[in-house]
C-alpha atoms as a PDB file:
ATOM      1  CA  UNK A   1     197.839 -37.006 230.266  1.00  0.00           C
ATOM      2  CA  UNK A   2     199.858 -40.205 230.688  1.00  0.00           C
ATOM      3  CA  UNK A   3     200.903 -41.938 227.417  1.00  0.00           C
ATOM      4  CA  UNK A   4     199.342 -45.165 228.655  1.00  0.00           C
ATOM      5  CA  UNK A   5     195.883 -43.633 228.966  1.00  0.00           C
ATOM      6  CA  UNK A   6     193.243 -44.435 226.379  1.00  0.00           C
ATOM      7  CA  UNK A   7     190.674 -41.634 225.967  1.00  0.00           C
ATOM      8  CA  UNK A   8     188.413 -40.285 223.336  1.00  0.00           C
ATOM      9  CA  UNK A   9     189.798 -37.570 221.049  1.00  0.00           C
ATOM     10  CA  UNK A  10     190.453 -34.280 222.827  1.00  0.00           C
ATOM     11  CA  UNK A  11     190.014 -30.703 221.585  1.00  0.00           C
ATOM     12  CA  UNK A  12     192.020 -27.728 222.879  1.00  0.00           C
ATOM     13  CA  UNK A  13     191.893 -24.103 221.700  1.00  0.00           C
ATOM     14  CA  UNK A  14     194.647 -21.573 221.869  1.00  0.00           C
ATOM     15  CA  UNK A  15     193.707 -18.210 220.288  1.00  0.00           C
ATOM     16  CA  UNK A  16     192.983 -18.772 216.605  1.00  0.00           C
ATOM     17  CA  UNK A  17     194.316 -22.349 216.629  1.00  0.00           C
ATOM     18  CA  UNK A  18     192.343 -25.456 217.614  1.00  0.00           C
ATOM     19  CA  UNK A  19     194.084 -28.752 218.141  1.00  0.00           C
ATOM     20  CA  UNK A  20     192.303 -32.082 217.825  1.00  0.00           C
ATOM     21  CA  UNK A  21     194.343 -34.911 219.332  1.00  0.00           C
ATOM     22  CA  UNK A  22     193.852 -38.776 219.210  1.00  0.00           C
ATOM     23  CA  UNK A  23     194.503 -40.119 222.650  1.00  0.00           C
ATOM     24  CA  UNK A  24     194.794 -43.825 222.404  1.00  0.00           C
ATOM     25  CA  UNK A  25     198.521 -44.317 222.133  1.00  0.00           C
ATOM     26  CA  UNK A  26     198.464 -47.949 223.365  1.00  0.00           C
ATOM     27  CA  UNK A  27     196.296 -48.718 220.349  1.00  0.00           C
ATOM     28  CA  UNK A  28     198.232 -46.610 217.903  1.00  0.00           C
ATOM     29  CA  UNK A  29     195.460 -43.960 218.142  1.00  0.00           C
ATOM     30  CA  UNK A  30     192.816 -46.111 216.430  1.00  0.00           C
ATOM     31  CA  UNK A  31     189.411 -44.492 215.908  1.00  0.00           C
ATOM     32  CA  UNK A  32     186.682 -46.426 217.722  1.00  0.00           C
ATOM     33  CA  UNK A  33     183.007 -46.239 216.682  1.00  0.00           C
ATOM     34  CA  UNK A  34     182.130 -44.236 219.708  1.00  0.00           C
ATOM     35  CA  UNK A  35     184.787 -41.695 218.799  1.00  0.00           C
ATOM     36  CA  UNK A  36     182.909 -40.648 215.703  1.00  0.00           C
ATOM     37  CA  UNK A  37     180.194 -38.778 217.640  1.00  0.00           C
ATOM     38  CA  UNK A  38     182.840 -37.192 219.763  1.00  0.00           C
ATOM     39  CA  UNK A  39     184.851 -36.072 216.749  1.00  0.00           C
ATOM     40  CA  UNK A  40     181.681 -34.563 215.102  1.00  0.00           C
ATOM     41  CA  UNK A  41     181.018 -32.639 218.323  1.00  0.00           C
ATOM     42  CA  UNK A  42     184.487 -31.304 218.329  1.00  0.00           C
ATOM     43  CA  UNK A  43     184.149 -30.225 214.634  1.00  0.00           C
ATOM     44  CA  UNK A  44     180.814 -28.505 215.652  1.00  0.00           C
ATOM     45  CA  UNK A  45     182.767 -26.568 218.264  1.00  0.00           C
ATOM     46  CA  UNK A  46     185.456 -25.676 215.854  1.00  0.00           C
ATOM     47  CA  UNK A  47     182.995 -24.475 213.152  1.00  0.00           C
ATOM     48  CA  UNK A  48     181.216 -22.298 215.789  1.00  0.00           C
ATOM     49  CA  UNK A  49     184.377 -20.674 216.957  1.00  0.00           C
ATOM     50  CA  UNK A  50     184.286 -17.314 215.177  1.00  0.00           C
ATOM     51  CA  UNK A  51     187.871 -16.471 216.112  1.00  0.00           C
ATOM     52  CA  UNK A  52     189.363 -19.812 214.964  1.00  0.00           C
ATOM     53  CA  UNK A  53     191.400 -19.916 211.818  1.00  0.00           C
ATOM     54  CA  UNK A  54     193.292 -23.214 211.845  1.00  0.00           C
ATOM     55  CA  UNK A  55     192.665 -26.761 213.015  1.00  0.00           C
ATOM     56  CA  UNK A  56     195.668 -28.979 213.833  1.00  0.00           C
ATOM     57  CA  UNK A  57     195.073 -32.751 213.939  1.00  0.00           C
ATOM     58  CA  UNK A  58     197.667 -34.920 215.694  1.00  0.00           C
ATOM     59  CA  UNK A  59     198.132 -38.129 217.546  1.00  0.00           C
ATOM     60  CA  UNK A  60     199.561 -38.801 221.067  1.00  0.00           C
ATOM     61  CA  UNK A  61     202.582 -40.944 221.371  1.00  0.00           C
ATOM     62  CA  UNK A  62     204.418 -42.642 218.515  1.00  0.00           C
ATOM     63  CA  UNK A  63     201.603 -42.652 215.931  1.00  0.00           C
ATOM     64  CA  UNK A  64     199.284 -40.301 214.217  1.00  0.00           C
ATOM     65  CA  UNK A  65     196.472 -42.819 213.933  1.00  0.00           C
ATOM     66  CA  UNK A  66     195.875 -46.481 212.901  1.00  0.00           C
ATOM     67  CA  UNK A  67     192.549 -45.525 211.314  1.00  0.00           C
ATOM     68  CA  UNK A  68     189.110 -46.807 211.931  1.00  0.00           C
ATOM     69  CA  UNK A  69     188.612 -49.942 214.043  1.00  0.00           C
ATOM     70  CA  UNK A  70     188.924 -52.979 211.665  1.00  0.00           C
ATOM     71  CA  UNK A  71     186.347 -54.930 213.771  1.00  0.00           C
ATOM     72  CA  UNK A  72     183.730 -52.242 213.225  1.00  0.00           C
ATOM     73  CA  UNK A  73     184.408 -52.391 209.467  1.00  0.00           C
ATOM     74  CA  UNK A  74     183.730 -56.124 209.458  1.00  0.00           C
ATOM     75  CA  UNK A  75     180.327 -55.486 210.934  1.00  0.00           C
ATOM     76  CA  UNK A  76     179.495 -53.133 208.205  1.00  0.00           C
ATOM     77  CA  UNK A  77     178.332 -50.434 210.604  1.00  0.00           C
ATOM     78  CA  UNK A  78     179.538 -48.253 213.422  1.00  0.00           C
ATOM     79  CA  UNK A  79     176.874 -47.545 216.028  1.00  0.00           C
ATOM     80  CA  UNK A  80     175.187 -44.322 214.847  1.00  0.00           C
ATOM     81  CA  UNK A  81     177.411 -44.046 211.805  1.00  0.00           C
ATOM     82  CA  UNK A  82     175.144 -46.003 209.474  1.00  0.00           C
ATOM     83  CA  UNK A  83     178.133 -47.809 208.055  1.00  0.00           C
ATOM     84  CA  UNK A  84     179.699 -44.719 206.406  1.00  0.00           C
ATOM     85  CA  UNK A  85     180.477 -42.747 209.494  1.00  0.00           C
ATOM     86  CA  UNK A  86     184.237 -42.587 209.063  1.00  0.00           C
ATOM     87  CA  UNK A  87     183.813 -41.471 205.409  1.00  0.00           C
ATOM     88  CA  UNK A  88     181.401 -38.736 206.494  1.00  0.00           C
ATOM     89  CA  UNK A  89     183.844 -37.571 209.132  1.00  0.00           C
ATOM     90  CA  UNK A  90     186.770 -37.349 206.678  1.00  0.00           C
ATOM     91  CA  UNK A  91     184.724 -35.546 204.061  1.00  0.00           C
ATOM     92  CA  UNK A  92     183.648 -33.043 206.715  1.00  0.00           C
ATOM     93  CA  UNK A  93     187.260 -32.406 207.638  1.00  0.00           C
ATOM     94  CA  UNK A  94     188.069 -31.634 204.000  1.00  0.00           C
ATOM     95  CA  UNK A  95     185.132 -29.292 203.746  1.00  0.00           C
ATOM     96  CA  UNK A  96     185.831 -27.280 206.920  1.00  0.00           C
ATOM     97  CA  UNK A  97     186.039 -23.500 206.497  1.00  0.00           C
ATOM     98  CA  UNK A  98     189.192 -23.580 208.569  1.00  0.00           C
ATOM     99  CA  UNK A  99     192.573 -24.504 207.207  1.00  0.00           C
ATOM    100  CA  UNK A 100     193.675 -27.909 208.503  1.00  0.00           C
ATOM    101  CA  UNK A 101     197.125 -29.176 209.307  1.00  0.00           C
ATOM    102  CA  UNK A 102     197.965 -32.849 210.031  1.00  0.00           C
ATOM    103  CA  UNK A 103     201.017 -33.123 212.358  1.00  0.00           C
ATOM    104  CA  UNK A 104     202.220 -36.617 211.400  1.00  0.00           C
ATOM    105  CA  UNK A 105     204.510 -37.617 214.282  1.00  0.00           C
ATOM    106  CA  UNK A 106     204.781 -41.344 213.331  1.00  0.00           C
ATOM    107  CA  UNK A 107     202.668 -44.036 211.721  1.00  0.00           C
ATOM    108  CA  UNK A 108     199.483 -43.212 209.767  1.00  0.00           C
ATOM    109  CA  UNK A 109     197.528 -46.303 208.653  1.00  0.00           C
ATOM    110  CA  UNK A 110     194.289 -47.313 207.048  1.00  0.00           C
ATOM    111  CA  UNK A 111     191.524 -44.728 206.980  1.00  0.00           C
ATOM    112  CA  UNK A 112     193.661 -42.171 208.793  1.00  0.00           C
ATOM    113  CA  UNK A 113     195.797 -41.938 205.684  1.00  0.00           C
ATOM    114  CA  UNK A 114     192.743 -40.435 204.087  1.00  0.00           C
ATOM    115  CA  UNK A 115     191.990 -38.290 207.092  1.00  0.00           C
ATOM    116  CA  UNK A 116     195.414 -36.681 206.883  1.00  0.00           C
ATOM    117  CA  UNK A 117     195.112 -36.397 203.118  1.00  0.00           C
ATOM    118  CA  UNK A 118     191.843 -34.472 203.628  1.00  0.00           C
ATOM    119  CA  UNK A 119     193.812 -31.878 205.532  1.00  0.00           C
ATOM    120  CA  UNK A 120     195.324 -28.918 203.681  1.00  0.00           C
ATOM    121  CA  UNK A 121     198.834 -29.526 204.923  1.00  0.00           C
ATOM    122  CA  UNK A 122     200.695 -32.572 206.251  1.00  0.00           C
ATOM    123  CA  UNK A 123     203.935 -32.002 208.193  1.00  0.00           C
ATOM    124  CA  UNK A 124     205.818 -35.179 208.989  1.00  0.00           C
ATOM    125  CA  UNK A 125     208.972 -36.383 210.734  1.00  0.00           C
ATOM    126  CA  UNK A 126     211.592 -38.979 209.694  1.00  0.00           C
ATOM    127  CA  UNK A 127     209.843 -41.686 211.754  1.00  0.00           C
ATOM    128  CA  UNK A 128     206.641 -41.234 209.754  1.00  0.00           C
ATOM    129  CA  UNK A 129     205.367 -44.170 207.705  1.00  0.00           C
ATOM    130  CA  UNK A 130     202.037 -44.988 206.014  1.00  0.00           C
ATOM    131  CA  UNK A 131     200.099 -47.888 204.705  1.00  0.00           C
ATOM    132  CA  UNK A 132     196.725 -48.228 202.959  1.00  0.00           C
ATOM    133  CA  UNK A 133     195.840 -51.877 203.510  1.00  0.00           C
ATOM    134  CA  UNK A 134     192.269 -51.898 202.096  1.00  0.00           C
ATOM    135  CA  UNK A 135     192.934 -54.459 199.383  1.00  0.00           C
ATOM    136  CA  UNK A 136     194.783 -56.700 201.916  1.00  0.00           C
ATOM    137  CA  UNK A 137     191.746 -56.596 204.099  1.00  0.00           C
ATOM    138  CA  UNK A 138     189.331 -57.218 201.280  1.00  0.00           C
ATOM    139  CA  UNK A 139     187.792 -53.776 201.496  1.00  0.00           C
ATOM    140  CA  UNK A 140     186.691 -51.656 198.499  1.00  0.00           C
ATOM    141  CA  UNK A 141     187.493 -48.089 199.499  1.00  0.00           C
ATOM    142  CA  UNK A 142     184.837 -45.364 199.368  1.00  0.00           C
ATOM    143  CA  UNK A 143     184.551 -43.017 196.355  1.00  0.00           C
ATOM    144  CA  UNK A 144     185.682 -39.703 197.651  1.00  0.00           C
ATOM    145  CA  UNK A 145     188.658 -41.199 199.404  1.00  0.00           C
ATOM    146  CA  UNK A 146     189.775 -42.714 196.144  1.00  0.00           C
ATOM    147  CA  UNK A 147     189.198 -39.371 194.590  1.00  0.00           C
ATOM    148  CA  UNK A 148     191.358 -37.570 197.133  1.00  0.00           C
ATOM    149  CA  UNK A 149     194.268 -40.009 196.600  1.00  0.00           C
ATOM    150  CA  UNK A 150     194.135 -39.791 192.807  1.00  0.00           C
ATOM    151  CA  UNK A 151     193.692 -36.003 192.656  1.00  0.00           C
ATOM    152  CA  UNK A 152     196.272 -35.104 195.273  1.00  0.00           C
ATOM    153  CA  UNK A 153     198.936 -37.701 194.656  1.00  0.00           C
ATOM    154  CA  UNK A 154     198.322 -38.613 191.038  1.00  0.00           C
ATOM    155  CA  UNK A 155     196.919 -41.790 189.533  1.00  0.00           C
ATOM    156  CA  UNK A 156     200.168 -43.791 189.620  1.00  0.00           C
ATOM    157  CA  UNK A 157     200.943 -42.999 193.265  1.00  0.00           C
ATOM    158  CA  UNK A 158     197.339 -43.764 194.215  1.00  0.00           C
ATOM    159  CA  UNK A 159     197.628 -47.164 192.508  1.00  0.00           C
ATOM    160  CA  UNK A 160     200.905 -47.831 194.175  1.00  0.00           C
ATOM    161  CA  UNK A 161     199.334 -47.286 197.610  1.00  0.00           C
ATOM    162  CA  UNK A 162     196.041 -49.042 197.109  1.00  0.00           C
ATOM    163  CA  UNK A 163     197.072 -51.875 194.700  1.00  0.00           C
ATOM    164  CA  UNK A 164     200.171 -53.005 196.591  1.00  0.00           C
ATOM    165  CA  UNK A 165     199.122 -52.266 200.080  1.00  0.00           C
ATOM    166  CA  UNK A 166     202.742 -51.843 200.951  1.00  0.00           C
ATOM    167  CA  UNK A 167     204.097 -49.616 203.770  1.00  0.00           C
ATOM    168  CA  UNK A 168     206.271 -46.626 202.798  1.00  0.00           C
ATOM    169  CA  UNK A 169     208.573 -44.463 204.809  1.00  0.00           C
ATOM    170  CA  UNK A 170     208.847 -40.702 205.312  1.00  0.00           C
ATOM    171  CA  UNK A 171     211.136 -40.054 202.359  1.00  0.00           C
ATOM    172  CA  UNK A 172     208.751 -41.841 200.005  1.00  0.00           C
ATOM    173  CA  UNK A 173     205.794 -40.039 201.483  1.00  0.00           C
ATOM    174  CA  UNK A 174     207.470 -36.793 200.767  1.00  0.00           C
ATOM    175  CA  UNK A 175     208.536 -37.862 197.220  1.00  0.00           C
ATOM    176  CA  UNK A 176     205.007 -38.693 196.201  1.00  0.00           C
ATOM    177  CA  UNK A 177     203.541 -35.512 197.674  1.00  0.00           C
ATOM    178  CA  UNK A 178     201.739 -37.087 200.596  1.00  0.00           C
ATOM    179  CA  UNK A 179     203.877 -34.999 203.037  1.00  0.00           C
ATOM    180  CA  UNK A 180     203.899 -31.259 202.499  1.00  0.00           C
ATOM    181  CA  UNK A 181     207.071 -30.958 204.503  1.00  0.00           C
ATOM    182  CA  UNK A 182     209.510 -33.223 206.358  1.00  0.00           C
ATOM    183  CA  UNK A 183     211.096 -31.856 209.494  1.00  0.00           C
ATOM    184  CA  UNK A 184     213.200 -33.090 212.401  1.00  0.00           C
ATOM    185  CA  UNK A 185     211.130 -34.677 215.157  1.00  0.00           C
ATOM    186  CA  UNK A 186     212.133 -31.964 217.596  1.00  0.00           C
ATOM    187  CA  UNK A 187     210.929 -29.277 215.200  1.00  0.00           C
ATOM    188  CA  UNK A 188     207.515 -30.683 214.423  1.00  0.00           C
ATOM    189  CA  UNK A 189     205.542 -28.627 217.037  1.00  0.00           C
ATOM    190  CA  UNK A 190     207.282 -25.385 216.260  1.00  0.00           C
ATOM    191  CA  UNK A 191     206.921 -25.846 212.513  1.00  0.00           C
ATOM    192  CA  UNK A 192     203.238 -26.649 212.786  1.00  0.00           C
ATOM    193  CA  UNK A 193     202.733 -23.665 215.059  1.00  0.00           C
ATOM    194  CA  UNK A 194     204.676 -21.394 212.680  1.00  0.00           C
ATOM    195  CA  UNK A 195     202.579 -22.543 209.769  1.00  0.00           C
ATOM    196  CA  UNK A 196     199.301 -22.162 211.632  1.00  0.00           C
ATOM    197  CA  UNK A 197     200.187 -18.653 212.736  1.00  0.00           C
ATOM    198  CA  UNK A 198     201.192 -17.662 209.223  1.00  0.00           C
ATOM    199  CA  UNK A 199     197.820 -18.882 207.901  1.00  0.00           C
ATOM    200  CA  UNK A 200     195.935 -17.344 210.805  1.00  0.00           C
ATOM    201  CA  UNK A 201     197.361 -13.913 209.889  1.00  0.00           C
ATOM    202  CA  UNK A 202     195.788 -13.940 206.434  1.00  0.00           C
ATOM    203  CA  UNK A 203     192.349 -12.717 205.409  1.00  0.00           C
ATOM    204  CA  UNK A 204     189.915 -15.538 206.475  1.00  0.00           C
ATOM    205  CA  UNK A 205     187.251 -14.905 203.878  1.00  0.00           C
ATOM    206  CA  UNK A 206     189.877 -15.065 201.033  1.00  0.00           C
ATOM    207  CA  UNK A 207     191.618 -18.094 202.567  1.00  0.00           C
ATOM    208  CA  UNK A 208     188.479 -20.121 203.166  1.00  0.00           C
ATOM    209  CA  UNK A 209     186.972 -19.248 199.816  1.00  0.00           C
ATOM    210  CA  UNK A 210     190.108 -20.147 197.855  1.00  0.00           C
ATOM    211  CA  UNK A 211     190.532 -23.426 199.804  1.00  0.00           C
ATOM    212  CA  UNK A 212     186.979 -24.428 198.946  1.00  0.00           C
ATOM    213  CA  UNK A 213     187.443 -23.653 195.246  1.00  0.00           C
ATOM    214  CA  UNK A 214     190.724 -25.431 194.994  1.00  0.00           C
ATOM    215  CA  UNK A 215     189.201 -28.517 196.644  1.00  0.00           C
ATOM    216  CA  UNK A 216     186.288 -28.383 194.256  1.00  0.00           C
ATOM    217  CA  UNK A 217     188.667 -28.116 191.305  1.00  0.00           C
ATOM    218  CA  UNK A 218     190.669 -31.153 192.546  1.00  0.00           C
ATOM    219  CA  UNK A 219     187.573 -33.399 192.514  1.00  0.00           C
ATOM    220  CA  UNK A 220     186.178 -31.917 189.288  1.00  0.00           C
ATOM    221  CA  UNK A 221     183.204 -30.244 190.984  1.00  0.00           C
ATOM    222  CA  UNK A 222     183.910 -26.484 190.766  1.00  0.00           C
ATOM    223  CA  UNK A 223     180.928 -24.340 191.642  1.00  0.00           C
ATOM    224  CA  UNK A 224     181.661 -21.404 189.409  1.00  0.00           C
ATOM    225  CA  UNK A 225     178.696 -19.359 190.708  1.00  0.00           C
ATOM    226  CA  UNK A 226     179.874 -20.023 194.297  1.00  0.00           C
ATOM    227  CA  UNK A 227     183.361 -18.744 193.419  1.00  0.00           C
ATOM    228  CA  UNK A 228     181.872 -15.537 191.911  1.00  0.00           C
ATOM    229  CA  UNK A 229     179.739 -15.020 194.995  1.00  0.00           C
ATOM    230  CA  UNK A 230     182.615 -15.482 197.386  1.00  0.00           C
ATOM    231  CA  UNK A 231     184.817 -13.202 195.236  1.00  0.00           C
ATOM    232  CA  UNK A 232     182.157 -10.516 195.338  1.00  0.00           C
ATOM    233  CA  UNK A 233     181.945 -10.814 199.127  1.00  0.00           C
ATOM    234  CA  UNK A 234     185.667 -10.396 199.460  1.00  0.00           C
ATOM    235  CA  UNK A 235     185.674  -7.253 197.205  1.00  0.00           C
ATOM    236  CA  UNK A 236     182.986  -5.724 199.384  1.00  0.00           C
ATOM    237  CA  UNK A 237     184.671  -6.821 202.689  1.00  0.00           C
ATOM    238  CA  UNK A 238     186.314  -4.816 205.479  1.00  0.00           C
ATOM    239  CA  UNK A 239     189.188  -7.157 205.199  1.00  0.00           C
ATOM    240  CA  UNK A 240     190.060  -6.158 201.617  1.00  0.00           C
ATOM    241  CA  UNK A 241     190.052  -2.458 202.620  1.00  0.00           C
ATOM    242  CA  UNK A 242     192.224  -3.270 205.650  1.00  0.00           C
ATOM    243  CA  UNK A 243     194.582  -5.346 203.514  1.00  0.00           C
ATOM    244  CA  UNK A 244     195.079  -2.507 201.011  1.00  0.00           C
ATOM    245  CA  UNK A 245     195.588   0.081 203.819  1.00  0.00           C
ATOM    246  CA  UNK A 246     198.110  -2.161 205.502  1.00  0.00           C
ATOM    247  CA  UNK A 247     199.974  -2.724 202.238  1.00  0.00           C
ATOM    248  CA  UNK A 248     200.098   1.029 201.569  1.00  0.00           C
ATOM    249  CA  UNK A 249     201.217   1.729 205.188  1.00  0.00           C
ATOM    250  CA  UNK A 250     203.818  -1.038 205.232  1.00  0.00           C
ATOM    251  CA  UNK A 251     202.388  -2.728 208.271  1.00  0.00           C
ATOM    252  CA  UNK A 252     200.785  -6.055 209.159  1.00  0.00           C
ATOM    253  CA  UNK A 253     197.087  -6.212 208.454  1.00  0.00           C
ATOM    254  CA  UNK A 254     194.524  -6.824 211.118  1.00  0.00           C
ATOM    255  CA  UNK A 255     191.753  -8.909 209.586  1.00  0.00           C
ATOM    256  CA  UNK A 256     188.344  -9.453 211.205  1.00  0.00           C
ATOM    257  CA  UNK A 257     186.834 -11.912 208.811  1.00  0.00           C
ATOM    258  CA  UNK A 258     184.131  -9.731 207.347  1.00  0.00           C
END
């Protein structure tokens, strides 16, 4: 694909790793209203892929994404979104059973700062920068997005980003915990791949269950009974038996997700 092309988000699958790419580089990979349905269809495909373990989200060109189209926000709706379509998309990304990695190759702005924050890991490069301009636009942000910023970054950093609307660079993004890691630009793809493969080699029942519980804890909504049920499933699973055998035999385990 040429960098000048403007296309809906694309999904590719390579073994246990799916990659969702924003493909509007001329528009800083903004998310248009029509993209929401496309993105949900891609997430449907990811959730139905029994062999998939990790979803990587990235942008083509010099930016990760400029967020949801401002003009659509002004209208208060987005085609079939009912006005809250982008929020529902981001919440769905956070709730995926796969582990998610945002490969932040450049600018991440507006709602896409929340989309990346909804991912489990954010790997950035020195050219990365971010800005949450909601207050500058006159927009009161949605509840779960505010919750993500406050719970993941801390109240003071959330206030810094929302109440000043200022742009920060990659070093500051790392310092406040927005970036999980900062790597050289040339190492971004290999580091994301290495992390995805590391996660993909772990027991999926345990990984997905623990991820869900940690996210629930972060937003003060832990389903204790759900944790007990998932823990019981893991204890009865083939994966636990395989993990113990592999540990005893000093070899890499071969998990099947059941």
